[in-house]
Amino acid sequence: MTTVAFIGLGIMGGPMAGHLVNAGFDVVGYNRSQAKVDALVAAGGKGATSIADAVREADVVAIMVPDSPDVRQVLAGSDGTDGVFQNAKPGTLIIDFSSIRPDVTTELAAQAKEQGFRLLDAPVSGGEAGAKNAALSIMVGGEKDDFDAAADVFNAVGKTVVHVGPNGAGQTVKAANQLIVAGNIQLLAEAVAFVEAYGVDTEAALKVLGGGLAGSKVLDQKGANMLGRTFNPGFRIELHHKDLGIVTSAAREAGVVIPLGAVVAQLMASAVANGDGGLDHSALLRGVLRLSGQNPDSPSDSAS
């Protein structure tokens, strides 16, 4: 039985670790909040009191934390002694499911190799629903042999798993994913505000739009949030804001112009500045309503 240390048991990591337990892996989890660790233990996993304790006997280390500095700290440690690099067994396979900067991934992969580890960047798409249903799309960067070795782990948590190139490629493709998703959500929000302004049955409108070329997974998964003004986070605006910062920076370095992406990045920043960072990214609708002179806290007609 392969032992997997899972670092980061939040909205995404918690369900993913649970699926690994169900797939027969011996899962040892660590999270800064004990309640998340307790939930994994209740699901059949084991808990650790530190990263060092979690990874010491692991064959695979899985990471799902918010941002580049968090991944760096998990791997290298906060004081040079308590990270994965200092405590895992030589040859351990490290799978970073987090969404971080491609250049940071490349740098950390080189450090891992120097210290006798193997690292895959494997950011995911699909949000909370994808994590809960083991239906994530996983874009993987790294050595092909390491990708093949991780197949059972990936198949336990994802539905579409593709090796997209060397280290950093997974994060690059994820950045493109976040660009597309953000644009789709913003346009859906504008469409909802538009049809509501004309008194149209918005639920019926989204149903027919979803059956045509305007249909998308974004519409299917986020339309109901907008109709009901329910923005409990499946993926927080503050995280998407971080991802769009990665996109715009990387695009500038590559000499690629992303005008629509840049506008959506600013709208996402505005949402954070207005206190919506902790809401689901479907709450971009609130920004459209603000710009239209409406109170974003007023319920929609379809929800009343």
Protein backbone atom coordinates (compact mmCIF):
# COMPACT_ATOMS: atom_id res chain seq x y z
CA MET A 1 0.00 0.00 0.00
CA THR A 2 1.48 3.33 -1.08
CA THR A 3 1.69 5.99 1.60
CA VAL A 4 0.63 9.47 0.49
CA ALA A 5 1.28 12.54 2.60
CA PHE A 6 -1.30 15.19 1.72
CA ILE A 7 -0.40 18.76 2.70
CA GLY A 8 -3.34 21.18 2.53
CA LEU A 9 -6.81 19.83 3.29
CA GLY A 10 -9.01 22.76 2.31
CA ILE A 11 -11.93 23.05 -0.10
CA MET A 12 -10.01 21.14 -2.78
CA GLY A 13 -7.43 19.15 -0.84
CA GLY A 14 -9.84 17.67 1.69
CA PRO A 15 -12.04 15.83 -0.86
CA MET A 16 -8.99 14.82 -2.90
CA ALA A 17 -7.33 13.24 0.12
CA GLY A 18 -10.58 11.43 0.88
CA HIS A 19 -10.68 9.94 -2.61
CA LEU A 20 -7.13 8.67 -2.15
CA VAL A 21 -8.23 6.95 1.07
CA ASN A 22 -11.13 5.35 -0.80
CA ALA A 23 -8.75 4.20 -3.54
CA GLY A 24 -6.74 2.23 -1.00
CA PHE A 25 -3.84 4.57 -0.31
CA ASP A 26 -2.49 5.03 3.20
CA VAL A 27 -3.06 8.79 3.50
CA VAL A 28 -1.42 10.97 6.16
CA GLY A 29 -2.73 14.52 6.14
CA TYR A 30 -1.52 17.81 7.52
CA ASN A 31 -3.32 21.15 7.64
CA ARG A 32 -2.83 24.25 9.73
CA SER A 33 -6.40 23.95 11.07
CA GLN A 34 -6.91 20.79 13.09
CA ALA A 35 -10.56 20.45 12.09
CA LYS A 36 -9.53 19.61 8.52
CA VAL A 37 -7.15 16.93 9.79
CA ASP A 38 -9.89 15.51 12.00
CA ALA A 39 -12.20 15.27 8.98
CA LEU A 40 -9.60 13.22 7.10
CA VAL A 41 -9.14 10.91 10.09
CA ALA A 42 -12.92 10.43 10.26
CA ALA A 43 -12.83 9.44 6.57
CA GLY A 44 -10.21 6.74 7.24
CA GLY A 45 -6.96 8.64 6.87
CA LYS A 46 -4.35 9.53 9.43
CA GLY A 47 -3.38 12.89 10.88
CA ALA A 48 0.01 14.50 11.36
CA THR A 49 1.01 17.36 13.62
CA SER A 50 3.57 18.81 11.22
CA ILE A 51 4.76 18.61 7.62
CA ALA A 52 7.83 16.73 8.81
CA ASP A 53 5.71 14.08 10.54
CA ALA A 54 3.43 13.74 7.52
CA VAL A 55 6.15 13.18 4.93
CA ARG A 56 8.74 11.13 6.82
CA GLU A 57 7.47 7.71 5.65
CA ALA A 58 5.63 8.83 2.52
CA ASP A 59 6.20 7.42 -0.95
CA VAL A 60 4.27 10.32 -2.48
CA VAL A 61 3.82 13.86 -1.16
CA ALA A 62 0.77 15.72 -2.50
CA ILE A 63 0.48 19.47 -1.98
CA MET A 64 -2.61 21.67 -2.34
CA VAL A 65 -1.97 25.14 -0.91
CA PRO A 66 -2.95 28.63 -2.13
CA ASP A 67 0.09 30.35 -3.65
CA SER A 68 3.76 30.25 -4.66
CA PRO A 69 5.16 31.30 -1.24
CA ASP A 70 3.08 28.59 0.43
CA VAL A 71 4.47 25.87 -1.84
CA ARG A 72 7.99 27.16 -1.33
CA GLN A 73 7.52 27.03 2.44
CA VAL A 74 6.06 23.51 2.36
CA LEU A 75 8.98 22.23 0.32
CA ALA A 76 11.92 24.20 1.68
CA GLY A 77 10.58 24.80 5.19
CA SER A 78 10.11 27.99 7.13
CA ASP A 79 13.38 27.59 9.04
CA GLY A 80 15.30 25.24 6.80
CA THR A 81 14.44 22.14 8.84
CA ASP A 82 10.69 21.55 8.72
CA GLY A 83 9.99 21.18 5.00
CA VAL A 84 9.54 18.28 2.63
CA PHE A 85 13.11 18.54 1.32
CA GLN A 86 14.57 18.09 4.80
CA ASN A 87 12.31 15.26 5.98
CA ALA A 88 11.08 13.08 3.09
CA LYS A 89 12.84 9.95 1.91
CA PRO A 90 15.20 10.26 -1.07
CA GLY A 91 13.39 9.49 -4.30
CA THR A 92 9.99 10.58 -2.98
CA LEU A 93 7.60 11.69 -5.70
CA ILE A 94 6.20 15.17 -5.01
CA ILE A 95 2.96 16.16 -6.74
CA ASP A 96 2.08 19.83 -6.43
CA PHE A 97 -1.62 20.25 -7.17
CA SER A 98 -1.45 23.97 -6.29
CA SER A 99 -1.76 26.75 -8.87
CA ILE A 100 1.42 28.84 -8.73
CA ARG A 101 3.82 30.75 -10.96
CA PRO A 102 5.45 28.62 -13.69
CA ASP A 103 8.89 30.08 -12.98
CA VAL A 104 8.61 29.17 -9.29
CA THR A 105 7.63 25.62 -10.22
CA THR A 106 10.65 25.33 -12.52
CA GLU A 107 12.95 26.63 -9.78
CA LEU A 108 11.52 24.26 -7.14
CA ALA A 109 11.70 21.30 -9.52
CA ALA A 110 15.41 21.97 -10.02
CA GLN A 111 15.93 22.15 -6.25
CA ALA A 112 14.01 18.92 -5.80
CA LYS A 113 16.13 17.13 -8.39
CA GLU A 114 19.36 18.37 -6.77
CA GLN A 115 18.21 16.91 -3.47
CA GLY A 116 17.13 13.55 -4.87
CA PHE A 117 13.40 14.12 -5.26
CA ARG A 118 11.03 14.04 -8.23
CA LEU A 119 8.51 16.85 -8.68
CA LEU A 120 5.45 17.15 -10.87
CA ASP A 121 3.42 20.34 -11.19
CA ALA A 122 -0.17 19.15 -11.49
CA PRO A 123 -2.61 22.05 -11.08
CA VAL A 124 -6.27 21.16 -11.35
CA SER A 125 -9.47 22.62 -12.78
CA GLY A 126 -13.03 21.79 -11.84
CA GLY A 127 -13.49 23.62 -8.57
CA GLU A 128 -15.08 22.24 -5.44
CA ALA A 129 -17.56 20.15 -7.44
CA GLY A 130 -14.76 18.52 -9.41
CA ALA A 131 -12.83 17.77 -6.24
CA LYS A 132 -15.85 16.24 -4.52
CA ASN A 133 -16.76 14.13 -7.55
CA ALA A 134 -13.19 13.05 -8.40
CA ALA A 135 -13.76 14.65 -11.79
CA LEU A 136 -10.94 17.17 -11.89
CA SER A 137 -9.04 18.07 -15.01
CA ILE A 138 -5.32 17.78 -14.22
CA MET A 139 -2.60 19.34 -16.37
CA VAL A 140 0.77 17.86 -15.51
CA GLY A 141 4.30 19.15 -16.07
CA GLY A 142 7.43 17.10 -15.40
CA GLU A 143 9.22 13.96 -16.48
CA LYS A 144 7.07 11.46 -18.39
CA ASP A 145 8.29 8.55 -16.24
CA ASP A 146 7.22 10.38 -13.10
CA PHE A 147 3.86 11.17 -14.67
CA ASP A 148 3.35 7.47 -15.44
CA ALA A 149 4.37 6.53 -11.90
CA ALA A 150 1.70 8.87 -10.49
CA ALA A 151 -1.12 7.46 -12.62
CA ASP A 152 -2.98 5.76 -9.77
CA VAL A 153 -2.91 8.94 -7.68
CA PHE A 154 -4.16 11.07 -10.55
CA ASN A 155 -6.89 8.62 -11.50
CA ALA A 156 -8.19 8.59 -7.93
CA VAL A 157 -8.88 12.32 -7.96
CA GLY A 158 -9.30 13.31 -11.60
CA LYS A 159 -11.17 12.47 -14.77
CA THR A 160 -9.09 14.19 -17.45
CA VAL A 161 -5.35 13.82 -16.81
CA VAL A 162 -2.88 15.01 -19.44
CA HIS A 163 0.91 15.30 -19.47
CA VAL A 164 1.49 18.69 -21.12
CA GLY A 165 5.29 18.96 -21.04
CA PRO A 166 8.27 19.58 -18.72
CA ASN A 167 8.15 21.20 -15.30
CA GLY A 168 6.28 24.50 -15.47
CA ALA A 169 4.11 23.44 -18.40
CA GLY A 170 1.31 22.34 -16.10
CA GLN A 171 1.25 25.74 -14.42
CA THR A 172 1.34 27.51 -17.79
CA VAL A 173 -1.68 25.57 -19.03
CA LYS A 174 -3.48 26.22 -15.73
CA ALA A 175 -2.85 29.94 -16.16
CA ALA A 176 -4.48 29.74 -19.59
CA ASN A 177 -7.38 27.84 -18.01
CA GLN A 178 -7.90 30.58 -15.44
CA LEU A 179 -7.83 33.22 -18.17
CA ILE A 180 -10.61 31.45 -20.07
CA VAL A 181 -12.70 30.76 -16.98
CA ALA A 182 -12.46 34.35 -15.72
CA GLY A 183 -13.55 35.73 -19.08
CA ASN A 184 -16.48 33.32 -19.24
CA ILE A 185 -17.65 34.17 -15.73
CA GLN A 186 -17.45 37.90 -16.36
CA LEU A 187 -19.45 37.64 -19.59
CA LEU A 188 -22.03 35.39 -17.93
CA ALA A 189 -22.39 37.96 -15.15
CA GLU A 190 -22.91 40.72 -17.70
CA ALA A 191 -25.51 38.61 -19.54
CA VAL A 192 -27.41 37.91 -16.30
CA ALA A 193 -27.48 41.59 -15.37
CA PHE A 194 -28.57 42.44 -18.92
CA VAL A 195 -31.55 40.07 -19.09
CA GLU A 196 -32.62 40.92 -15.54
CA ALA A 197 -32.74 44.60 -16.49
CA TYR A 198 -35.35 43.78 -19.13
CA GLY A 199 -37.51 41.71 -16.79
CA VAL A 200 -36.79 38.48 -18.62
CA ASP A 201 -37.30 35.14 -16.83
CA THR A 202 -33.59 34.74 -16.14
CA GLU A 203 -33.75 31.05 -15.26
CA ALA A 204 -35.49 30.31 -18.57
CA ALA A 205 -33.00 32.52 -20.39
CA LEU A 206 -30.02 30.61 -18.99
CA LYS A 207 -31.68 27.32 -19.88
CA VAL A 208 -32.01 28.21 -23.55
CA LEU A 209 -28.60 29.88 -23.68
CA GLY A 210 -27.07 26.74 -22.23
CA GLY A 211 -28.46 24.70 -25.10
CA GLY A 212 -26.77 26.77 -27.79
CA LEU A 213 -23.30 27.99 -28.65
CA ALA A 214 -23.32 30.17 -25.53
CA GLY A 215 -23.52 27.04 -23.39
CA SER A 216 -20.53 26.23 -21.20
CA LYS A 217 -19.53 24.49 -18.00
CA VAL A 218 -19.27 27.96 -16.47
CA LEU A 219 -22.92 28.62 -17.28
CA ASP A 220 -23.95 25.19 -16.01
CA GLN A 221 -22.04 25.47 -12.74
CA LYS A 222 -22.20 29.19 -11.96
CA GLY A 223 -25.53 30.35 -13.41
CA ALA A 224 -27.53 29.20 -10.40
CA ASN A 225 -25.18 31.07 -8.05
CA MET A 226 -25.88 34.28 -9.92
CA LEU A 227 -29.62 33.73 -10.07
CA GLY A 228 -29.86 33.09 -6.34
CA ARG A 229 -27.11 35.52 -5.32
CA THR A 230 -25.51 32.64 -3.41
CA PHE A 231 -21.76 32.98 -3.53
CA ASN A 232 -20.47 30.44 -1.03
CA PRO A 233 -16.93 29.78 -2.22
CA GLY A 234 -16.22 26.89 -4.50
CA PHE A 235 -13.28 28.92 -5.77
CA ARG A 236 -12.61 32.23 -4.07
CA ILE A 237 -12.23 35.50 -5.96
CA GLU A 238 -9.01 36.23 -4.08
CA LEU A 239 -7.47 33.05 -5.50
CA HIS A 240 -8.63 33.81 -9.03
CA HIS A 241 -7.23 37.32 -8.58
CA LYS A 242 -3.88 35.70 -7.73
CA ASP A 243 -4.10 33.46 -10.81
CA LEU A 244 -4.81 36.37 -13.14
CA GLY A 245 -1.76 38.11 -11.73
CA ILE A 246 0.23 35.06 -12.83
CA VAL A 247 -1.33 35.20 -16.30
CA THR A 248 -0.75 38.89 -16.92
CA SER A 249 2.83 38.76 -15.66
CA ALA A 250 3.70 35.65 -17.69
CA ALA A 251 2.04 37.05 -20.81
CA ARG A 252 4.07 40.25 -20.53
CA GLU A 253 7.29 38.26 -20.19
CA ALA A 254 6.39 36.25 -23.30
CA GLY A 255 5.44 39.34 -25.31
CA VAL A 256 1.83 38.16 -25.64
CA VAL A 257 -0.95 40.76 -25.55
CA ILE A 258 -4.09 39.74 -23.61
CA PRO A 259 -6.36 42.81 -23.68
CA LEU A 260 -9.56 41.11 -22.55
CA GLY A 261 -7.70 39.17 -19.89
CA ALA A 262 -6.19 42.39 -18.57
CA VAL A 263 -9.64 43.99 -18.23
CA VAL A 264 -11.02 40.96 -16.38
CA ALA A 265 -7.96 40.99 -14.12
CA GLN A 266 -8.80 44.58 -13.16
CA LEU A 267 -12.44 43.69 -12.54
CA MET A 268 -11.29 40.82 -10.32
CA ALA A 269 -9.02 43.24 -8.45
CA SER A 270 -11.97 45.58 -7.99
CA ALA A 271 -14.00 42.75 -6.49
CA VAL A 272 -11.24 42.11 -3.96
CA ALA A 273 -10.98 45.81 -3.16
CA ASN A 274 -14.73 45.92 -2.54
CA GLY A 275 -14.55 43.12 0.02
CA ASP A 276 -15.69 40.22 -2.19
CA GLY A 277 -12.40 38.30 -2.15
CA GLY A 278 -13.75 35.53 0.05
CA LEU A 279 -16.76 34.88 -2.18
CA ASP A 280 -17.02 32.45 -5.08
CA HIS A 281 -15.76 33.87 -8.37
CA SER A 282 -19.33 33.87 -9.67
CA ALA A 283 -19.68 36.94 -7.43
CA LEU A 284 -18.14 38.93 -10.29
CA LEU A 285 -21.83 39.61 -10.90
CA ARG A 286 -21.71 41.94 -7.90
CA GLY A 287 -19.15 44.08 -9.72
CA VAL A 288 -21.37 44.32 -12.80
CA LEU A 289 -24.26 45.42 -10.60
CA ARG A 290 -22.12 48.04 -8.87
CA LEU A 291 -20.99 49.47 -12.21
CA SER A 292 -24.64 49.54 -13.29
CA GLY A 293 -25.64 51.63 -10.28
CA GLN A 294 -27.41 48.77 -8.50
CA ASN A 295 -27.10 47.46 -4.98
CA PRO A 296 -25.26 44.11 -5.24
CA ASP A 297 -26.80 43.01 -1.92
CA SER A 298 -30.37 43.24 -3.23
CA PRO A 299 -31.90 39.84 -4.07
CA SER A 300 -32.67 39.12 -7.68
CA ASP A 301 -36.28 38.84 -8.80
CA SER A 302 -35.69 35.18 -9.61
CA ALA A 303 -34.53 34.55 -6.05
CA SER A 304 -37.33 36.49 -4.34
